Amino acid sequence: MYDVRAPLAGRYLLLDEIGAGATGSVWRAWDLREGRHVAAKVLGPHDDALLQRFVREQAVRVQHPHVVTPAGWAAADERVLLSMDLIAGGSLATLLDGHPTLPEGTVAELLDQLLQALVAVHAAGVVHRDVKPANLLLEPTGDGRPHLRLADFGVAGLLGASRLTRSGPIGTYGWAAPEQERGAPPDPRQDLYSVGVLGRRLLNGHDPTHGAAGPVRPRGPLGPLLDALADPDPDLRPTCAAAALATLRRLDVPPPRTWPHVPDRLGPAPGLPRAAAWLVTVLACLCFVAAIGLSAAAALAAT
């Protein structure tokens, strides 16, 4: 358990744990420098290889409304964290717990947003390599149009960069492209394969990790595009995310009658510890004093 009374690296106050994974935990934190709540991904016990992956992940800074990448990082003693936007609507995996399948119009909207994200990510020379519902976060939009954001670049590959992860499969079984599971170097078309598998999952409810039943090929306007995206041969997939997005937008997909409900799944943030609240007040006063000093200096310089 972390001591939330003391800010990590003098900046981040860890308030409550909101998630956990194989490499560490995710906390709601208060960023003293920016004065806002953020998500803090805290690295658990690690070796040099995992630490290198963490360092590489923090270098992925893609600014896009449908992408979540690190905004900052900090280290103190053996604790290392990445900070990023706090997304309170849960993941697409959470949404699917209550909606085994989704209407085609909703699926088309989610795939459109995901492909927008991948256009930006691939343009930055990054291949995500783990596109799946758990890594697709949702803003809390209530009954409005969902807002998807691609997150978790922990196994992302940089085009043309040396490999930091072990040899062999990268990604999640059932979601990763066949050549990716064979250890092929990063290629944007690997992410497109995962998009095709995702579309099938959203329409038909077949979990690809239960692969024994084989892929369920959907009918309807989205079917041919999803078949092309999830083709085992990368040369038969769309050439890039932009091409797939253009094809998607030409399809005659009926809009949904309603959008799935996406609530705020985190709830109110815990209050800051008394010592932390005092520190925030002190910092605010110092910033105010500094601003007055700068204004006075500017006024003197102008006379």
Protein backbone atom coordinates (compact mmCIF):
# COMPACT_ATOMS: atom_id res chain seq x y z
CA MET A 1 0.00 0.00 0.00
CA TYR A 2 1.27 3.45 -0.89
CA ASP A 3 1.42 6.32 1.57
CA VAL A 4 -1.08 8.78 0.09
CA ARG A 5 -0.04 11.41 2.62
CA ALA A 6 3.20 12.11 0.75
CA PRO A 7 3.25 13.11 -2.94
CA LEU A 8 5.35 10.86 -5.16
CA ALA A 9 8.34 12.80 -6.51
CA GLY A 10 6.82 15.88 -4.87
CA ARG A 11 4.03 15.96 -7.46
CA TYR A 12 1.53 13.09 -7.45
CA LEU A 13 -0.76 12.20 -4.55
CA LEU A 14 -2.17 8.68 -4.96
CA LEU A 15 -5.79 8.73 -3.76
CA ASP A 16 -7.52 5.44 -4.60
CA GLU A 17 -6.69 2.38 -6.66
CA ILE A 18 -8.99 2.07 -9.68
CA GLY A 19 -7.43 -0.85 -11.55
CA ALA A 20 -4.68 -3.44 -11.61
CA GLY A 21 -2.86 -5.45 -14.23
CA ALA A 22 0.09 -7.71 -14.84
CA THR A 23 2.65 -4.90 -14.68
CA GLY A 24 1.27 -2.79 -11.85
CA SER A 25 -1.72 -0.81 -10.63
CA VAL A 26 -3.69 2.24 -11.76
CA TRP A 27 -4.61 4.95 -9.28
CA ARG A 28 -6.69 8.09 -9.27
CA ALA A 29 -4.17 10.74 -8.29
CA TRP A 30 -3.97 14.46 -7.72
CA ASP A 31 -1.37 16.27 -9.81
CA LEU A 32 -0.07 19.08 -7.59
CA ARG A 33 1.64 20.83 -10.50
CA GLU A 34 -1.39 20.90 -12.82
CA GLY A 35 -4.05 21.05 -10.12
CA ARG A 36 -6.22 18.23 -11.52
CA HIS A 37 -7.06 14.59 -11.09
CA VAL A 38 -5.15 12.18 -13.33
CA ALA A 39 -4.77 8.44 -13.74
CA ALA A 40 -1.42 7.21 -12.46
CA LYS A 41 -0.11 3.89 -13.75
CA VAL A 42 2.30 2.66 -11.07
CA LEU A 43 4.85 0.03 -12.10
CA GLY A 44 4.93 -3.04 -9.86
CA PRO A 45 7.94 -5.26 -9.16
CA HIS A 46 10.08 -5.12 -12.27
CA ASP A 47 13.25 -6.17 -14.00
CA ASP A 48 15.31 -4.11 -16.46
CA ALA A 49 13.29 -5.25 -19.49
CA LEU A 50 9.97 -4.22 -17.94
CA LEU A 51 11.43 -0.89 -16.88
CA GLN A 52 12.65 -0.28 -20.44
CA ARG A 53 9.14 -1.00 -21.73
CA PHE A 54 7.73 1.46 -19.21
CA VAL A 55 10.22 4.12 -20.33
CA ARG A 56 9.33 3.50 -23.96
CA GLU A 57 5.62 3.75 -23.17
CA GLN A 58 6.06 7.17 -21.57
CA ALA A 59 7.73 8.36 -24.78
CA VAL A 60 4.52 7.75 -26.77
CA ARG A 61 2.87 11.17 -26.78
CA VAL A 62 0.11 11.18 -29.41
CA GLN A 63 -2.22 14.14 -28.97
CA HIS A 64 -5.63 13.09 -30.30
CA PRO A 65 -9.18 13.15 -28.86
CA HIS A 66 -9.45 9.36 -29.24
CA VAL A 67 -6.07 8.45 -27.76
CA VAL A 68 -4.85 8.29 -24.15
CA THR A 69 -1.08 8.46 -23.82
CA PRO A 70 1.17 9.50 -20.91
CA ALA A 71 1.20 13.19 -20.02
CA GLY A 72 4.06 12.93 -17.52
CA TRP A 73 6.09 10.53 -15.45
CA ALA A 74 7.88 10.46 -12.12
CA ALA A 75 10.19 8.20 -10.15
CA ALA A 76 11.15 8.07 -6.50
CA ASP A 77 13.18 5.28 -4.93
CA GLU A 78 11.81 2.10 -6.56
CA ARG A 79 8.43 3.56 -7.51
CA VAL A 80 7.83 4.68 -11.09
CA LEU A 81 4.58 6.01 -12.51
CA LEU A 82 3.08 7.39 -15.69
CA SER A 83 0.30 9.97 -15.49
CA MET A 84 -2.43 10.36 -18.10
CA ASP A 85 -5.97 11.65 -18.48
CA LEU A 86 -8.44 10.13 -16.04
CA ILE A 87 -11.22 8.36 -17.99
CA ALA A 88 -14.19 7.59 -15.77
CA GLY A 89 -16.53 5.62 -18.04
CA GLY A 90 -14.72 2.30 -17.78
CA SER A 91 -13.62 0.24 -20.76
CA LEU A 92 -15.42 -1.25 -23.72
CA ALA A 93 -14.95 -4.62 -21.99
CA THR A 94 -16.97 -3.29 -19.05
CA LEU A 95 -19.69 -2.06 -21.39
CA LEU A 96 -19.87 -5.47 -23.06
CA ASP A 97 -20.57 -7.10 -19.70
CA GLY A 98 -24.05 -5.58 -19.92
CA HIS A 99 -24.38 -5.59 -23.73
CA PRO A 100 -23.29 -8.94 -25.25
CA THR A 101 -23.80 -7.44 -28.72
CA LEU A 102 -24.26 -3.93 -30.05
CA PRO A 103 -26.32 -2.53 -32.95
CA GLU A 104 -24.47 -2.12 -36.24
CA GLY A 105 -24.78 1.67 -36.11
CA THR A 106 -23.13 1.77 -32.68
CA VAL A 107 -20.38 -0.60 -33.86
CA ALA A 108 -19.73 1.60 -36.89
CA GLU A 109 -19.36 4.65 -34.66
CA LEU A 110 -16.95 2.92 -32.28
CA LEU A 111 -14.86 1.55 -35.16
CA ASP A 112 -14.78 5.00 -36.77
CA GLN A 113 -13.36 6.52 -33.58
CA LEU A 114 -10.88 3.68 -33.15
CA LEU A 115 -9.63 4.01 -36.73
CA GLN A 116 -9.24 7.76 -36.22
CA ALA A 117 -7.04 6.97 -33.24
CA LEU A 118 -4.98 4.47 -35.22
CA VAL A 119 -4.46 6.94 -38.07
CA ALA A 120 -2.82 9.29 -35.55
CA VAL A 121 -0.89 6.54 -33.75
CA HIS A 122 0.50 5.02 -36.94
CA ALA A 123 1.41 8.46 -38.29
CA ALA A 124 3.59 8.83 -35.18
CA GLY A 125 5.44 5.64 -36.09
CA VAL A 126 3.79 3.54 -33.37
CA VAL A 127 1.98 0.19 -33.65
CA HIS A 128 -0.25 -0.48 -30.64
CA ARG A 129 -0.21 -4.32 -30.89
CA ASP A 130 -2.86 -4.89 -28.21
CA VAL A 131 -6.14 -3.50 -29.52
CA LYS A 132 -8.92 -5.17 -27.50
CA PRO A 133 -11.96 -4.07 -25.47
CA ALA A 134 -10.03 -3.77 -22.18
CA ASN A 135 -7.70 -1.19 -23.78
CA LEU A 136 -10.51 0.91 -25.26
CA LEU A 137 -11.68 3.38 -22.62
CA LEU A 138 -14.95 5.30 -22.66
CA GLU A 139 -15.70 8.80 -21.47
CA PRO A 140 -18.81 8.94 -19.25
CA THR A 141 -21.30 10.22 -21.84
CA GLY A 142 -24.50 8.97 -20.21
CA ASP A 143 -27.07 8.25 -22.92
CA GLY A 144 -25.23 10.31 -25.54
CA ARG A 145 -22.92 9.31 -28.35
CA PRO A 146 -20.06 7.20 -26.91
CA HIS A 147 -16.56 8.63 -26.92
CA LEU A 148 -13.85 5.98 -27.24
CA ARG A 149 -10.16 6.43 -26.44
CA LEU A 150 -7.35 3.98 -27.27
CA ALA A 151 -5.13 3.38 -24.23
CA ASP A 152 -2.35 1.18 -22.79
CA PHE A 153 0.72 1.29 -25.01
CA GLY A 154 2.65 -1.13 -22.80
CA VAL A 155 3.53 -3.52 -25.66
CA ALA A 156 3.49 -0.95 -28.45
CA GLY A 157 6.21 -1.20 -31.05
CA LEU A 158 8.03 1.64 -32.75
CA LEU A 159 8.54 1.21 -36.46
CA GLY A 160 12.21 0.66 -37.18
CA ALA A 161 13.21 0.54 -33.49
CA SER A 162 15.03 -2.26 -31.71
CA ARG A 163 12.87 -4.81 -29.91
CA LEU A 164 12.66 -4.56 -26.13
CA THR A 165 10.19 -7.34 -25.46
CA ARG A 166 11.06 -11.03 -25.47
CA SER A 167 11.04 -12.97 -28.71
CA GLY A 168 7.82 -14.72 -29.61
CA PRO A 169 4.15 -13.65 -29.54
CA ILE A 170 3.24 -10.06 -28.62
CA GLY A 171 -0.29 -9.00 -27.70
CA THR A 172 -3.32 -11.02 -26.61
CA TYR A 173 -4.24 -14.41 -28.03
CA GLY A 174 -7.29 -14.22 -30.27
CA TRP A 175 -6.93 -10.47 -30.84
CA ALA A 176 -3.40 -10.40 -32.25
CA ALA A 177 -2.77 -10.96 -35.96
CA PRO A 178 -1.40 -14.40 -36.93
CA GLU A 179 1.95 -12.98 -38.02
CA GLN A 180 2.17 -11.01 -34.78
CA GLU A 181 1.70 -14.23 -32.81
CA ARG A 182 4.58 -15.70 -34.84
CA GLY A 183 6.85 -12.88 -33.66
CA ALA A 184 6.77 -10.63 -36.76
CA PRO A 185 8.11 -7.07 -36.37
CA PRO A 186 5.59 -4.25 -35.79
CA ASP A 187 3.37 -3.43 -38.76
CA PRO A 188 0.30 -1.13 -38.73
CA ARG A 189 -1.74 -3.83 -40.48
CA GLN A 190 -1.50 -5.89 -37.28
CA ASP A 191 -3.66 -3.31 -35.52
CA LEU A 192 -6.12 -3.41 -38.43
CA TYR A 193 -6.52 -7.16 -37.94
CA SER A 194 -7.49 -6.51 -34.32
CA VAL A 195 -10.04 -3.91 -35.46
CA GLY A 196 -11.68 -6.53 -37.68
CA VAL A 197 -11.80 -9.05 -34.83
CA LEU A 198 -13.24 -6.35 -32.55
CA GLY A 199 -16.00 -5.51 -35.03
CA ARG A 200 -17.00 -9.18 -35.21
CA ARG A 201 -17.01 -9.42 -31.41
CA LEU A 202 -19.23 -6.36 -31.05
CA LEU A 203 -21.73 -7.57 -33.64
CA ASN A 204 -21.90 -11.28 -32.88
CA GLY A 205 -20.72 -11.63 -29.29
CA HIS A 206 -18.12 -14.29 -30.12
CA ASP A 207 -15.10 -14.01 -27.82
CA PRO A 208 -12.00 -14.55 -30.01
CA THR A 209 -10.05 -15.92 -27.06
CA HIS A 210 -12.39 -18.96 -27.24
CA GLY A 211 -11.11 -19.58 -30.75
CA ALA A 212 -12.29 -23.19 -30.99
CA ALA A 213 -15.63 -22.11 -32.49
CA GLY A 214 -13.85 -20.17 -35.23
CA PRO A 215 -14.62 -16.63 -36.33
CA VAL A 216 -18.29 -15.69 -36.76
CA ARG A 217 -18.52 -13.69 -39.98
CA PRO A 218 -21.16 -10.97 -39.68
CA ARG A 219 -23.67 -10.08 -42.34
CA GLY A 220 -24.82 -6.59 -43.17
CA PRO A 221 -22.97 -3.53 -44.51
CA LEU A 222 -19.99 -3.96 -42.15
CA GLY A 223 -19.38 -7.61 -43.01
CA PRO A 224 -17.10 -7.26 -46.08
CA LEU A 225 -14.94 -4.60 -44.41
CA LEU A 226 -14.52 -6.68 -41.25
CA ASP A 227 -13.64 -9.73 -43.33
CA ALA A 228 -10.94 -7.72 -45.11
CA LEU A 229 -9.57 -6.28 -41.87
CA ALA A 230 -9.39 -9.70 -40.19
CA ASP A 231 -7.89 -11.49 -43.17
CA PRO A 232 -5.06 -13.83 -42.03
CA ASP A 233 -2.93 -12.55 -44.92
CA PRO A 234 -1.70 -9.02 -44.10
CA ASP A 235 -1.33 -8.24 -47.82
CA LEU A 236 -5.08 -8.68 -48.26
CA ARG A 237 -6.03 -6.26 -45.49
CA PRO A 238 -6.59 -2.53 -46.13
CA THR A 239 -3.28 -0.80 -46.69
CA CYS A 240 -3.64 1.55 -43.73
CA ALA A 241 -6.05 2.83 -41.09
CA ALA A 242 -6.95 5.85 -43.22
CA ALA A 243 -8.01 3.59 -46.10
CA ALA A 244 -10.12 1.46 -43.76
CA LEU A 245 -11.72 4.58 -42.29
CA ALA A 246 -12.57 5.92 -45.75
CA THR A 247 -14.19 2.59 -46.67
CA LEU A 248 -16.16 2.53 -43.41
CA ARG A 249 -17.56 6.00 -44.02
CA ARG A 250 -18.80 5.01 -47.48
CA LEU A 251 -20.93 2.19 -46.09
CA ASP A 252 -24.67 2.61 -45.70
CA VAL A 253 -24.95 1.69 -42.03
CA PRO A 254 -28.26 2.64 -40.35
CA PRO A 255 -27.79 4.86 -37.26
CA PRO A 256 -28.77 3.35 -33.90
CA ARG A 257 -32.04 4.35 -32.28
CA THR A 258 -30.29 4.86 -28.95
CA TRP A 259 -26.72 4.84 -27.68
CA PRO A 260 -25.55 2.49 -24.91
CA HIS A 261 -25.52 4.11 -21.49
CA VAL A 262 -22.00 4.91 -20.27
CA PRO A 263 -22.04 6.15 -16.64
CA ASP A 264 -19.31 7.60 -14.49
CA ARG A 265 -17.97 4.38 -13.01
CA LEU A 266 -15.44 5.97 -10.63
CA GLY A 267 -17.69 8.18 -8.56
CA PRO A 268 -16.55 11.19 -6.52
CA ALA A 269 -12.84 11.46 -5.83
CA PRO A 270 -11.63 10.96 -2.25
CA GLY A 271 -10.77 14.16 -0.45
CA LEU A 272 -7.15 15.19 -0.30
CA PRO A 273 -5.35 14.38 2.95
CA ARG A 274 -5.14 17.35 5.30
CA ALA A 275 -1.40 17.76 4.76
CA ALA A 276 -1.88 17.61 1.00
CA ALA A 277 -4.64 20.21 1.08
CA TRP A 278 -2.31 22.48 3.04
CA LEU A 279 0.42 21.92 0.44
CA VAL A 280 -1.97 22.75 -2.41
CA THR A 281 -2.93 25.99 -0.65
CA VAL A 282 0.72 26.91 -0.16
CA LEU A 283 1.54 26.23 -3.81
CA ALA A 284 -1.44 28.30 -4.95
CA CYS A 285 -0.28 31.21 -2.79
CA LEU A 286 3.25 30.95 -4.16
CA CYS A 287 1.93 30.97 -7.73
CA PHE A 288 -0.20 34.03 -6.91
CA VAL A 289 2.79 35.84 -5.41
CA ALA A 290 4.94 34.93 -8.39
CA ALA A 291 2.30 36.26 -10.78
CA ILE A 292 2.13 39.56 -8.90
CA GLY A 293 5.92 39.80 -9.00
CA LEU A 294 6.02 39.19 -12.74
CA SER A 295 3.31 41.79 -13.32
CA ALA A 296 5.19 44.34 -11.24
CA ALA A 297 8.41 43.63 -13.09
CA ALA A 298 6.67 44.03 -16.43
CA ALA A 299 5.14 47.33 -15.31
CA LEU A 300 8.55 48.67 -14.21
CA ALA A 301 10.14 47.60 -17.46
CA ALA A 302 7.48 49.45 -19.41
CA THR A 303 8.11 52.77 -17.60
